[in-house]
């Protein structure tokens, strides 16, 4: 049975604080990621800062024709949580390389899940 979707879930510890607090950096990362994993954006990325206390930070939602890319960046801790879900296969190493380049996390934990109902 063929897999229906691929979900890469990433937990990033102690990222570069300037990068995760800059909507322009987040937008550039998103646009580059979409191109590099050979996806097609569906509309513009939504990048909104909200939350309170230690949960405040930017949240990103980018629809792609094959599903979505979502992220939340925490100002207080410098941590970030990113999910890339697509029914089209992609190279997770490209995602990891771009995350390292843009956000400089001190640690990355990741899980790749192949989805099938």
PDB file of N, CA and C in Angstrom:
ATOM      1  N   UNK A   1       0.854  -1.186   0.000  1.00  0.00           N
ATOM      2  CA  UNK A   1       0.000   0.000   0.000  1.00  0.00           C
ATOM      3  C   UNK A   1       0.893   1.241   0.000  1.00  0.00           C
ATOM      4  N   UNK A   2       0.617   2.161  -0.882  1.00  0.00           N
ATOM      5  CA  UNK A   2       1.399   3.391  -0.982  1.00  0.00           C
ATOM      6  C   UNK A   2       1.134   4.294   0.218  1.00  0.00           C
ATOM      7  N   UNK A   3       2.138   5.030   0.607  1.00  0.00           N
ATOM      8  CA  UNK A   3       1.978   6.001   1.697  1.00  0.00           C
ATOM      9  C   UNK A   3       1.195   7.196   1.179  1.00  0.00           C
ATOM     10  N   UNK A   4       0.388   7.792   2.055  1.00  0.00           N
ATOM     11  CA  UNK A   4      -0.418   8.925   1.651  1.00  0.00           C
ATOM     12  C   UNK A   4       0.269  10.248   1.941  1.00  0.00           C
ATOM     13  N   UNK A   5       1.058  10.293   2.999  1.00  0.00           N
ATOM     14  CA  UNK A   5       1.667  11.570   3.353  1.00  0.00           C
ATOM     15  C   UNK A   5       2.908  11.402   4.197  1.00  0.00           C
ATOM     16  N   UNK A   6       3.693  12.477   4.236  1.00  0.00           N
ATOM     17  CA  UNK A   6       4.965  12.487   4.944  1.00  0.00           C
ATOM     18  C   UNK A   6       4.986  13.693   5.870  1.00  0.00           C
ATOM     19  N   UNK A   7       5.192  13.440   7.159  1.00  0.00           N
ATOM     20  CA  UNK A   7       5.157  14.487   8.170  1.00  0.00           C
ATOM     21  C   UNK A   7       6.504  14.540   8.877  1.00  0.00           C
ATOM     22  N   UNK A   8       7.199  15.656   8.706  1.00  0.00           N
ATOM     23  CA  UNK A   8       8.442  15.886   9.428  1.00  0.00           C
ATOM     24  C   UNK A   8       8.122  16.866  10.545  1.00  0.00           C
ATOM     25  N   UNK A   9       8.342  16.432  11.769  1.00  0.00           N
ATOM     26  CA  UNK A   9       8.073  17.245  12.945  1.00  0.00           C
ATOM     27  C   UNK A   9       9.407  17.561  13.609  1.00  0.00           C
ATOM     28  N   UNK A  10       9.673  18.851  13.814  1.00  0.00           N
ATOM     29  CA  UNK A  10      10.975  19.296  14.312  1.00  0.00           C
ATOM     30  C   UNK A  10      10.824  20.133  15.570  1.00  0.00           C
ATOM     31  N   UNK A  11      11.646  19.843  16.562  1.00  0.00           N
ATOM     32  CA  UNK A  11      11.739  20.641  17.777  1.00  0.00           C
ATOM     33  C   UNK A  11      13.137  21.259  17.789  1.00  0.00           C
ATOM     34  N   UNK A  12      13.202  22.582  17.824  1.00  0.00           N
ATOM     35  CA  UNK A  12      14.470  23.296  17.768  1.00  0.00           C
ATOM     36  C   UNK A  12      14.727  23.979  19.102  1.00  0.00           C
ATOM     37  N   UNK A  13      15.877  23.745  19.682  1.00  0.00           N
ATOM     38  CA  UNK A  13      16.209  24.332  20.979  1.00  0.00           C
ATOM     39  C   UNK A  13      17.154  25.516  20.809  1.00  0.00           C
ATOM     40  N   UNK A  14      16.809  26.608  21.478  1.00  0.00           N
ATOM     41  CA  UNK A  14      17.662  27.785  21.609  1.00  0.00           C
ATOM     42  C   UNK A  14      18.203  28.292  20.276  1.00  0.00           C
ATOM     43  N   UNK A  15      17.288  28.729  19.447  1.00  0.00           N
ATOM     44  CA  UNK A  15      17.635  29.294  18.137  1.00  0.00           C
ATOM     45  C   UNK A  15      18.207  30.699  18.288  1.00  0.00           C
ATOM     46  N   UNK A  16      18.724  31.227  17.195  1.00  0.00           N
ATOM     47  CA  UNK A  16      19.174  32.604  17.134  1.00  0.00           C
ATOM     48  C   UNK A  16      17.965  33.505  17.396  1.00  0.00           C
ATOM     49  N   UNK A  17      18.024  34.292  18.472  1.00  0.00           N
ATOM     50  CA  UNK A  17      16.844  35.060  18.888  1.00  0.00           C
ATOM     51  C   UNK A  17      16.447  36.130  17.874  1.00  0.00           C
ATOM     52  N   UNK A  18      17.407  36.730  17.184  1.00  0.00           N
ATOM     53  CA  UNK A  18      17.054  37.735  16.172  1.00  0.00           C
ATOM     54  C   UNK A  18      16.301  37.099  15.015  1.00  0.00           C
ATOM     55  N   UNK A  19      16.719  35.915  14.608  1.00  0.00           N
ATOM     56  CA  UNK A  19      16.095  35.240  13.462  1.00  0.00           C
ATOM     57  C   UNK A  19      14.652  34.852  13.748  1.00  0.00           C
ATOM     58  N   UNK A  20      14.384  34.285  14.922  1.00  0.00           N
ATOM     59  CA  UNK A  20      13.022  33.825  15.212  1.00  0.00           C
ATOM     60  C   UNK A  20      12.073  34.968  15.551  1.00  0.00           C
ATOM     61  N   UNK A  21      12.612  36.154  15.784  1.00  0.00           N
ATOM     62  CA  UNK A  21      11.786  37.328  16.079  1.00  0.00           C
ATOM     63  C   UNK A  21      11.619  38.248  14.881  1.00  0.00           C
ATOM     64  N   UNK A  22      12.085  37.791  13.718  1.00  0.00           N
ATOM     65  CA  UNK A  22      12.035  38.630  12.528  1.00  0.00           C
ATOM     66  C   UNK A  22      11.095  38.017  11.482  1.00  0.00           C
ATOM     67  N   UNK A  23       9.956  38.655  11.222  1.00  0.00           N
ATOM     68  CA  UNK A  23       9.020  38.088  10.248  1.00  0.00           C
ATOM     69  C   UNK A  23       9.614  37.998   8.842  1.00  0.00           C
ATOM     70  N   UNK A  24      10.569  38.871   8.518  1.00  0.00           N
ATOM     71  CA  UNK A  24      11.189  38.832   7.188  1.00  0.00           C
ATOM     72  C   UNK A  24      12.090  37.610   7.038  1.00  0.00           C
ATOM     73  N   UNK A  25      12.791  37.254   8.101  1.00  0.00           N
ATOM     74  CA  UNK A  25      13.618  36.041   8.082  1.00  0.00           C
ATOM     75  C   UNK A  25      12.728  34.806   7.973  1.00  0.00           C
ATOM     76  N   UNK A  26      11.640  34.776   8.721  1.00  0.00           N
ATOM     77  CA  UNK A  26      10.710  33.653   8.682  1.00  0.00           C
ATOM     78  C   UNK A  26      10.098  33.524   7.287  1.00  0.00           C
ATOM     79  N   UNK A  27       9.738  34.640   6.675  1.00  0.00           N
ATOM     80  CA  UNK A  27       9.168  34.626   5.322  1.00  0.00           C
ATOM     81  C   UNK A  27      10.203  34.114   4.321  1.00  0.00           C
ATOM     82  N   UNK A  28      11.427  34.603   4.405  1.00  0.00           N
ATOM     83  CA  UNK A  28      12.474  34.176   3.483  1.00  0.00           C
ATOM     84  C   UNK A  28      12.752  32.681   3.635  1.00  0.00           C
ATOM     85  N   UNK A  29      12.815  32.209   4.884  1.00  0.00           N
ATOM     86  CA  UNK A  29      12.993  30.778   5.144  1.00  0.00           C
ATOM     87  C   UNK A  29      11.875  29.980   4.477  1.00  0.00           C
ATOM     88  N   UNK A  30      10.647  30.418   4.657  1.00  0.00           N
ATOM     89  CA  UNK A  30       9.488  29.698   4.124  1.00  0.00           C
ATOM     90  C   UNK A  30       9.519  29.642   2.603  1.00  0.00           C
ATOM     91  N   UNK A  31       9.755  30.778   1.978  1.00  0.00           N
ATOM     92  CA  UNK A  31       9.790  30.816   0.519  1.00  0.00           C
ATOM     93  C   UNK A  31      10.929  29.954  -0.037  1.00  0.00           C
ATOM     94  N   UNK A  32      12.085  29.986   0.621  1.00  0.00           N
ATOM     95  CA  UNK A  32      13.221  29.166   0.193  1.00  0.00           C
ATOM     96  C   UNK A  32      12.920  27.690   0.393  1.00  0.00           C
ATOM     97  N   UNK A  33      12.326  27.350   1.536  1.00  0.00           N
ATOM     98  CA  UNK A  33      11.987  25.960   1.823  1.00  0.00           C
ATOM     99  C   UNK A  33      11.036  25.395   0.782  1.00  0.00           C
ATOM    100  N   UNK A  34       9.991  26.126   0.474  1.00  0.00           N
ATOM    101  CA  UNK A  34       9.004  25.662  -0.508  1.00  0.00           C
ATOM    102  C   UNK A  34       9.693  25.349  -1.838  1.00  0.00           C
ATOM    103  N   UNK A  35      10.566  26.238  -2.276  1.00  0.00           N
ATOM    104  CA  UNK A  35      11.283  26.012  -3.535  1.00  0.00           C
ATOM    105  C   UNK A  35      12.230  24.821  -3.452  1.00  0.00           C
ATOM    106  N   UNK A  36      13.003  24.757  -2.369  1.00  0.00           N
ATOM    107  CA  UNK A  36      14.051  23.732  -2.262  1.00  0.00           C
ATOM    108  C   UNK A  36      13.505  22.314  -2.101  1.00  0.00           C
ATOM    109  N   UNK A  37      12.294  22.171  -1.545  1.00  0.00           N
ATOM    110  CA  UNK A  37      11.712  20.825  -1.445  1.00  0.00           C
ATOM    111  C   UNK A  37      10.737  20.562  -2.587  1.00  0.00           C
ATOM    112  N   UNK A  38      10.792  21.439  -3.594  1.00  0.00           N
ATOM    113  CA  UNK A  38      10.030  21.272  -4.830  1.00  0.00           C
ATOM    114  C   UNK A  38       8.521  21.213  -4.601  1.00  0.00           C
ATOM    115  N   UNK A  39       8.043  22.146  -3.793  1.00  0.00           N
ATOM    116  CA  UNK A  39       6.612  22.269  -3.545  1.00  0.00           C
ATOM    117  C   UNK A  39       6.116  23.540  -4.224  1.00  0.00           C
ATOM    118  N   UNK A  40       4.810  23.733  -4.190  1.00  0.00           N
ATOM    119  CA  UNK A  40       4.215  24.934  -4.771  1.00  0.00           C
ATOM    120  C   UNK A  40       3.345  25.602  -3.710  1.00  0.00           C
ATOM    121  N   UNK A  41       3.700  26.841  -3.369  1.00  0.00           N
ATOM    122  CA  UNK A  41       2.937  27.591  -2.362  1.00  0.00           C
ATOM    123  C   UNK A  41       1.532  27.862  -2.871  1.00  0.00           C
ATOM    124  N   UNK A  42       0.591  27.789  -1.968  1.00  0.00           N
ATOM    125  CA  UNK A  42      -0.797  28.127  -2.255  1.00  0.00           C
ATOM    126  C   UNK A  42      -1.081  29.402  -1.474  1.00  0.00           C
ATOM    127  N   UNK A  43      -0.904  30.539  -2.118  1.00  0.00           N
ATOM    128  CA  UNK A  43      -1.053  31.810  -1.430  1.00  0.00           C
ATOM    129  C   UNK A  43       0.207  32.197  -0.685  1.00  0.00           C
ATOM    130  N   UNK A  44       0.112  33.306   0.012  1.00  0.00           N
ATOM    131  CA  UNK A  44       1.236  33.838   0.782  1.00  0.00           C
ATOM    132  C   UNK A  44       1.301  33.193   2.165  1.00  0.00           C
ATOM    133  N   UNK A  45       2.487  33.129   2.753  1.00  0.00           N
ATOM    134  CA  UNK A  45       2.567  32.612   4.127  1.00  0.00           C
ATOM    135  C   UNK A  45       1.897  33.579   5.099  1.00  0.00           C
ATOM    136  N   UNK A  46       1.222  33.032   6.067  1.00  0.00           N
ATOM    137  CA  UNK A  46       0.651  33.821   7.154  1.00  0.00           C
ATOM    138  C   UNK A  46       1.663  33.796   8.290  1.00  0.00           C
ATOM    139  N   UNK A  47       2.151  34.955   8.672  1.00  0.00           N
ATOM    140  CA  UNK A  47       3.143  35.065   9.746  1.00  0.00           C
ATOM    141  C   UNK A  47       2.611  36.093  10.731  1.00  0.00           C
ATOM    142  N   UNK A  48       2.204  35.617  11.898  1.00  0.00           N
ATOM    143  CA  UNK A  48       1.521  36.468  12.868  1.00  0.00           C
ATOM    144  C   UNK A  48       2.175  36.283  14.228  1.00  0.00           C
ATOM    145  N   UNK A  49       2.408  37.403  14.906  1.00  0.00           N
ATOM    146  CA  UNK A  49       2.958  37.336  16.261  1.00  0.00           C
ATOM    147  C   UNK A  49       1.815  37.437  17.259  1.00  0.00           C
ATOM    148  N   UNK A  50       1.746  36.451  18.153  1.00  0.00           N
ATOM    149  CA  UNK A  50       0.736  36.494  19.204  1.00  0.00           C
ATOM    150  C   UNK A  50       1.131  35.554  20.329  1.00  0.00           C
ATOM    151  N   UNK A  51       0.277  35.418  21.312  1.00  0.00           N
ATOM    152  CA  UNK A  51       0.563  34.615  22.499  1.00  0.00           C
ATOM    153  C   UNK A  51       0.895  35.527  23.658  1.00  0.00           C
ATOM    154  N   UNK A  52       0.957  34.938  24.821  1.00  0.00           N
ATOM    155  CA  UNK A  52       1.254  35.710  26.025  1.00  0.00           C
ATOM    156  C   UNK A  52       2.377  35.043  26.801  1.00  0.00           C
ATOM    157  N   UNK A  53       3.014  35.855  27.621  1.00  0.00           N
ATOM    158  CA  UNK A  53       4.081  35.417  28.520  1.00  0.00           C
ATOM    159  C   UNK A  53       5.105  34.553  27.789  1.00  0.00           C
ATOM    160  N   UNK A  54       5.403  33.371  28.309  1.00  0.00           N
ATOM    161  CA  UNK A  54       6.470  32.548  27.708  1.00  0.00           C
ATOM    162  C   UNK A  54       6.016  31.802  26.451  1.00  0.00           C
ATOM    163  N   UNK A  55       4.792  32.013  26.008  1.00  0.00           N
ATOM    164  CA  UNK A  55       4.279  31.373  24.784  1.00  0.00           C
ATOM    165  C   UNK A  55       4.254  32.345  23.601  1.00  0.00           C
ATOM    166  N   UNK A  56       4.609  33.608  23.818  1.00  0.00           N
ATOM    167  CA  UNK A  56       4.540  34.618  22.769  1.00  0.00           C
ATOM    168  C   UNK A  56       5.603  34.375  21.697  1.00  0.00           C
ATOM    169  N   UNK A  57       5.222  34.673  20.463  1.00  0.00           N
ATOM    170  CA  UNK A  57       6.158  34.562  19.351  1.00  0.00           C
ATOM    171  C   UNK A  57       5.404  34.503  18.037  1.00  0.00           C
ATOM    172  N   UNK A  58       6.153  34.376  16.965  1.00  0.00           N
ATOM    173  CA  UNK A  58       5.557  34.281  15.639  1.00  0.00           C
ATOM    174  C   UNK A  58       5.066  32.870  15.362  1.00  0.00           C
ATOM    175  N   UNK A  59       3.923  32.798  14.675  1.00  0.00           N
ATOM    176  CA  UNK A  59       3.408  31.544  14.146  1.00  0.00           C
ATOM    177  C   UNK A  59       3.328  31.689  12.644  1.00  0.00           C
ATOM    178  N   UNK A  60       3.703  30.623  11.963  1.00  0.00           N
ATOM    179  CA  UNK A  60       3.723  30.586  10.509  1.00  0.00           C
ATOM    180  C   UNK A  60       2.777  29.501  10.018  1.00  0.00           C
ATOM    181  N   UNK A  61       1.988  29.821   9.017  1.00  0.00           N
ATOM    182  CA  UNK A  61       1.202  28.831   8.280  1.00  0.00           C
ATOM    183  C   UNK A  61       1.395  29.118   6.796  1.00  0.00           C
ATOM    184  N   UNK A  62       1.930  28.134   6.082  1.00  0.00           N
ATOM    185  CA  UNK A  62       2.073  28.230   4.626  1.00  0.00           C
ATOM    186  C   UNK A  62       1.368  27.031   4.016  1.00  0.00           C
ATOM    187  N   UNK A  63       0.286  27.295   3.316  1.00  0.00           N
ATOM    188  CA  UNK A  63      -0.356  26.222   2.581  1.00  0.00           C
ATOM    189  C   UNK A  63       0.486  25.908   1.354  1.00  0.00           C
ATOM    190  N   UNK A  64       0.600  24.630   1.056  1.00  0.00           N
ATOM    191  CA  UNK A  64       1.241  24.191  -0.178  1.00  0.00           C
ATOM    192  C   UNK A  64       0.232  23.306  -0.896  1.00  0.00           C
ATOM    193  N   UNK A  65       0.374  23.163  -2.195  1.00  0.00           N
ATOM    194  CA  UNK A  65      -0.621  22.406  -2.950  1.00  0.00           C
ATOM    195  C   UNK A  65      -0.786  20.985  -2.444  1.00  0.00           C
ATOM    196  N   UNK A  66       0.243  20.450  -1.797  1.00  0.00           N
ATOM    197  CA  UNK A  66       0.175  19.082  -1.302  1.00  0.00           C
ATOM    198  C   UNK A  66      -0.041  19.006   0.207  1.00  0.00           C
ATOM    199  N   UNK A  67      -0.250  20.122   0.902  1.00  0.00           N
ATOM    200  CA  UNK A  67      -0.660  20.185   2.298  1.00  0.00           C
ATOM    201  C   UNK A  67      -0.218  21.474   2.969  1.00  0.00           C
ATOM    202  N   UNK A  68       0.742  21.428   3.957  1.00  0.00           N
ATOM    203  CA  UNK A  68       1.068  22.656   4.682  1.00  0.00           C
ATOM    204  C   UNK A  68       2.409  22.594   5.403  1.00  0.00           C
ATOM    205  N   UNK A  69       2.887  23.782   5.738  1.00  0.00           N
ATOM    206  CA  UNK A  69       4.067  23.963   6.590  1.00  0.00           C
ATOM    207  C   UNK A  69       3.609  24.875   7.717  1.00  0.00           C
ATOM    208  N   UNK A  70       3.817  24.444   8.955  1.00  0.00           N
ATOM    209  CA  UNK A  70       3.404  25.227  10.117  1.00  0.00           C
ATOM    210  C   UNK A  70       4.564  25.335  11.095  1.00  0.00           C
ATOM    211  N   UNK A  71       4.622  26.444  11.819  1.00  0.00           N
ATOM    212  CA  UNK A  71       5.689  26.626  12.803  1.00  0.00           C
ATOM    213  C   UNK A  71       5.248  27.604  13.881  1.00  0.00           C
ATOM    214  N   UNK A  72       5.851  27.449  15.062  1.00  0.00           N
ATOM    215  CA  UNK A  72       5.717  28.449  16.115  1.00  0.00           C
ATOM    216  C   UNK A  72       7.096  28.693  16.704  1.00  0.00           C
ATOM    217  N   UNK A  73       7.429  29.976  16.866  1.00  0.00           N
ATOM    218  CA  UNK A  73       8.723  30.401  17.384  1.00  0.00           C
ATOM    219  C   UNK A  73       8.500  31.087  18.729  1.00  0.00           C
ATOM    220  N   UNK A  74       9.140  30.616  19.782  1.00  0.00           N
ATOM    221  CA  UNK A  74       8.939  31.142  21.137  1.00  0.00           C
ATOM    222  C   UNK A  74      10.013  32.168  21.487  1.00  0.00           C
ATOM    223  N   UNK A  75       9.595  33.426  21.668  1.00  0.00           N
ATOM    224  CA  UNK A  75      10.532  34.492  22.008  1.00  0.00           C
ATOM    225  C   UNK A  75      11.293  34.204  23.296  1.00  0.00           C
ATOM    226  N   UNK A  76      10.588  33.770  24.316  1.00  0.00           N
ATOM    227  CA  UNK A  76      11.158  33.620  25.657  1.00  0.00           C
ATOM    228  C   UNK A  76      12.288  32.591  25.708  1.00  0.00           C
ATOM    229  N   UNK A  77      12.065  31.433  25.152  1.00  0.00           N
ATOM    230  CA  UNK A  77      13.040  30.333  25.250  1.00  0.00           C
ATOM    231  C   UNK A  77      13.977  30.259  24.048  1.00  0.00           C
ATOM    232  N   UNK A  78      13.551  30.843  22.935  1.00  0.00           N
ATOM    233  CA  UNK A  78      14.317  30.700  21.705  1.00  0.00           C
ATOM    234  C   UNK A  78      14.051  29.383  21.001  1.00  0.00           C
ATOM    235  N   UNK A  79      13.087  28.637  21.481  1.00  0.00           N
ATOM    236  CA  UNK A  79      12.752  27.353  20.874  1.00  0.00           C
ATOM    237  C   UNK A  79      11.782  27.557  19.713  1.00  0.00           C
ATOM    238  N   UNK A  80      11.734  26.560  18.835  1.00  0.00           N
ATOM    239  CA  UNK A  80      10.812  26.612  17.712  1.00  0.00           C
ATOM    240  C   UNK A  80      10.304  25.211  17.421  1.00  0.00           C
ATOM    241  N   UNK A  81       9.113  25.154  16.852  1.00  0.00           N
ATOM    242  CA  UNK A  81       8.455  23.886  16.532  1.00  0.00           C
ATOM    243  C   UNK A  81       7.933  24.006  15.106  1.00  0.00           C
ATOM    244  N   UNK A  82       8.423  23.141  14.236  1.00  0.00           N
ATOM    245  CA  UNK A  82       8.108  23.230  12.813  1.00  0.00           C
ATOM    246  C   UNK A  82       7.592  21.880  12.326  1.00  0.00           C
ATOM    247  N   UNK A  83       6.520  21.910  11.521  1.00  0.00           N
ATOM    248  CA  UNK A  83       5.968  20.700  10.908  1.00  0.00           C
ATOM    249  C   UNK A  83       5.850  20.913   9.408  1.00  0.00           C
ATOM    250  N   UNK A  84       6.320  19.933   8.648  1.00  0.00           N
ATOM    251  CA  UNK A  84       6.202  19.951   7.185  1.00  0.00           C
ATOM    252  C   UNK A  84       5.428  18.698   6.804  1.00  0.00           C
ATOM    253  N   UNK A  85       4.210  18.894   6.273  1.00  0.00           N
ATOM    254  CA  UNK A  85       3.364  17.767   5.897  1.00  0.00           C
ATOM    255  C   UNK A  85       3.026  17.869   4.422  1.00  0.00           C
ATOM    256  N   UNK A  86       3.210  16.765   3.698  1.00  0.00           N
ATOM    257  CA  UNK A  86       2.928  16.752   2.269  1.00  0.00           C
ATOM    258  C   UNK A  86       2.617  15.337   1.819  1.00  0.00           C
ATOM    259  N   UNK A  87       1.666  15.209   0.885  1.00  0.00           N
ATOM    260  CA  UNK A  87       1.422  13.900   0.288  1.00  0.00           C
ATOM    261  C   UNK A  87       2.453  13.608  -0.801  1.00  0.00           C
ATOM    262  N   UNK A  88       3.216  14.612  -1.187  1.00  0.00           N
ATOM    263  CA  UNK A  88       4.324  14.440  -2.137  1.00  0.00           C
ATOM    264  C   UNK A  88       5.614  14.236  -1.333  1.00  0.00           C
ATOM    265  N   UNK A  89       6.407  13.219  -1.643  1.00  0.00           N
ATOM    266  CA  UNK A  89       7.664  13.002  -0.911  1.00  0.00           C
ATOM    267  C   UNK A  89       8.625  14.186  -1.071  1.00  0.00           C
ATOM    268  N   UNK A  90       9.466  14.390  -0.061  1.00  0.00           N
ATOM    269  CA  UNK A  90      10.477  15.443  -0.083  1.00  0.00           C
ATOM    270  C   UNK A  90      11.682  14.981   0.726  1.00  0.00           C
ATOM    271  N   UNK A  91      12.788  15.652   0.547  1.00  0.00           N
ATOM    272  CA  UNK A  91      14.037  15.303   1.222  1.00  0.00           C
ATOM    273  C   UNK A  91      14.120  16.021   2.564  1.00  0.00           C
ATOM    274  N   UNK A  92      14.020  15.268   3.659  1.00  0.00           N
ATOM    275  CA  UNK A  92      14.054  15.894   4.977  1.00  0.00           C
ATOM    276  C   UNK A  92      15.404  16.539   5.255  1.00  0.00           C
ATOM    277  N   UNK A  93      16.466  16.084   4.612  1.00  0.00           N
ATOM    278  CA  UNK A  93      17.788  16.668   4.840  1.00  0.00           C
ATOM    279  C   UNK A  93      17.865  18.097   4.309  1.00  0.00           C
ATOM    280  N   UNK A  94      17.115  18.396   3.271  1.00  0.00           N
ATOM    281  CA  UNK A  94      17.036  19.770   2.776  1.00  0.00           C
ATOM    282  C   UNK A  94      16.392  20.655   3.842  1.00  0.00           C
ATOM    283  N   UNK A  95      15.327  20.173   4.461  1.00  0.00           N
ATOM    284  CA  UNK A  95      14.646  20.921   5.523  1.00  0.00           C
ATOM    285  C   UNK A  95      15.611  21.167   6.683  1.00  0.00           C
ATOM    286  N   UNK A  96      16.303  20.135   7.118  1.00  0.00           N
ATOM    287  CA  UNK A  96      17.244  20.256   8.236  1.00  0.00           C
ATOM    288  C   UNK A  96      18.360  21.248   7.925  1.00  0.00           C
ATOM    289  N   UNK A  97      18.877  21.210   6.719  1.00  0.00           N
ATOM    290  CA  UNK A  97      19.946  22.125   6.323  1.00  0.00           C
ATOM    291  C   UNK A  97      19.476  23.576   6.352  1.00  0.00           C
ATOM    292  N   UNK A  98      18.271  23.835   5.828  1.00  0.00           N
ATOM    293  CA  UNK A  98      17.749  25.203   5.814  1.00  0.00           C
ATOM    294  C   UNK A  98      17.451  25.708   7.222  1.00  0.00           C
ATOM    295  N   UNK A  99      16.941  24.851   8.076  1.00  0.00           N
ATOM    296  CA  UNK A  99      16.673  25.247   9.463  1.00  0.00           C
ATOM    297  C   UNK A  99      17.973  25.646  10.148  1.00  0.00           C
ATOM    298  N   UNK A 100      19.002  24.849   9.942  1.00  0.00           N
ATOM    299  CA  UNK A 100      20.300  25.154  10.537  1.00  0.00           C
ATOM    300  C   UNK A 100      20.830  26.484  10.005  1.00  0.00           C
ATOM    301  N   UNK A 101      20.688  26.717   8.718  1.00  0.00           N
ATOM    302  CA  UNK A 101      21.174  27.936   8.080  1.00  0.00           C
ATOM    303  C   UNK A 101      20.442  29.180   8.575  1.00  0.00           C
ATOM    304  N   UNK A 102      19.115  29.117   8.661  1.00  0.00           N
ATOM    305  CA  UNK A 102      18.319  30.289   9.016  1.00  0.00           C
ATOM    306  C   UNK A 102      18.218  30.548  10.517  1.00  0.00           C
ATOM    307  N   UNK A 103      18.114  29.502  11.331  1.00  0.00           N
ATOM    308  CA  UNK A 103      17.777  29.690  12.736  1.00  0.00           C
ATOM    309  C   UNK A 103      18.867  29.287  13.726  1.00  0.00           C
ATOM    310  N   UNK A 104      19.911  28.613  13.270  1.00  0.00           N
ATOM    311  CA  UNK A 104      21.054  28.229  14.109  1.00  0.00           C
ATOM    312  C   UNK A 104      20.662  27.613  15.452  1.00  0.00           C
ATOM    313  N   UNK A 105      19.792  26.614  15.455  1.00  0.00           N
ATOM    314  CA  UNK A 105      19.411  26.011  16.738  1.00  0.00           C
ATOM    315  C   UNK A 105      20.604  25.273  17.367  1.00  0.00           C
ATOM    316  N   UNK A 106      20.635  25.254  18.672  1.00  0.00           N
ATOM    317  CA  UNK A 106      21.701  24.515  19.370  1.00  0.00           C
ATOM    318  C   UNK A 106      21.448  23.013  19.319  1.00  0.00           C
ATOM    319  N   UNK A 107      20.161  22.656  19.165  1.00  0.00           N
ATOM    320  CA  UNK A 107      19.810  21.235  19.073  1.00  0.00           C
ATOM    321  C   UNK A 107      18.552  21.096  18.229  1.00  0.00           C
ATOM    322  N   UNK A 108      18.516  20.030  17.427  1.00  0.00           N
ATOM    323  CA  UNK A 108      17.337  19.714  16.628  1.00  0.00           C
ATOM    324  C   UNK A 108      16.929  18.279  16.923  1.00  0.00           C
ATOM    325  N   UNK A 109      15.678  18.099  17.284  1.00  0.00           N
ATOM    326  CA  UNK A 109      15.102  16.761  17.367  1.00  0.00           C
ATOM    327  C   UNK A 109      14.071  16.673  16.249  1.00  0.00           C
ATOM    328  N   UNK A 110      14.081  15.557  15.530  1.00  0.00           N
ATOM    329  CA  UNK A 110      13.114  15.435  14.441  1.00  0.00           C
ATOM    330  C   UNK A 110      12.571  14.012  14.351  1.00  0.00           C
ATOM    331  N   UNK A 111      11.362  13.958  13.807  1.00  0.00           N
ATOM    332  CA  UNK A 111      10.684  12.686  13.575  1.00  0.00           C
ATOM    333  C   UNK A 111      10.033  12.757  12.209  1.00  0.00           C
ATOM    334  N   UNK A 112      10.265  11.736  11.402  1.00  0.00           N
ATOM    335  CA  UNK A 112       9.602  11.637  10.101  1.00  0.00           C
ATOM    336  C   UNK A 112       8.569  10.527  10.224  1.00  0.00           C
ATOM    337  N   UNK A 113       7.340  10.850   9.912  1.00  0.00           N
ATOM    338  CA  UNK A 113       6.244   9.889  10.005  1.00  0.00           C
ATOM    339  C   UNK A 113       5.647   9.717   8.624  1.00  0.00           C
ATOM    340  N   UNK A 114       5.473   8.507   8.198  1.00  0.00           N
ATOM    341  CA  UNK A 114       4.761   8.219   6.956  1.00  0.00           C
ATOM    342  C   UNK A 114       3.317   7.942   7.318  1.00  0.00           C
ATOM    343  N   UNK A 115       2.406   8.722   6.733  1.00  0.00           N
ATOM    344  CA  UNK A 115       0.991   8.659   7.099  1.00  0.00           C
ATOM    345  C   UNK A 115       0.222   7.765   6.131  1.00  0.00           C
ATOM    346  N   UNK A 116      -0.699   7.026   6.649  1.00  0.00           N
ATOM    347  CA  UNK A 116      -1.611   6.208   5.860  1.00  0.00           C
ATOM    348  C   UNK A 116      -2.788   5.849   6.741  1.00  0.00           C
ATOM    349  N   UNK A 117      -3.996   6.175   6.316  1.00  0.00           N
ATOM    350  CA  UNK A 117      -5.202   5.882   7.104  1.00  0.00           C
ATOM    351  C   UNK A 117      -5.534   4.414   7.042  1.00  0.00           C
TER     352      UNK A 117
END
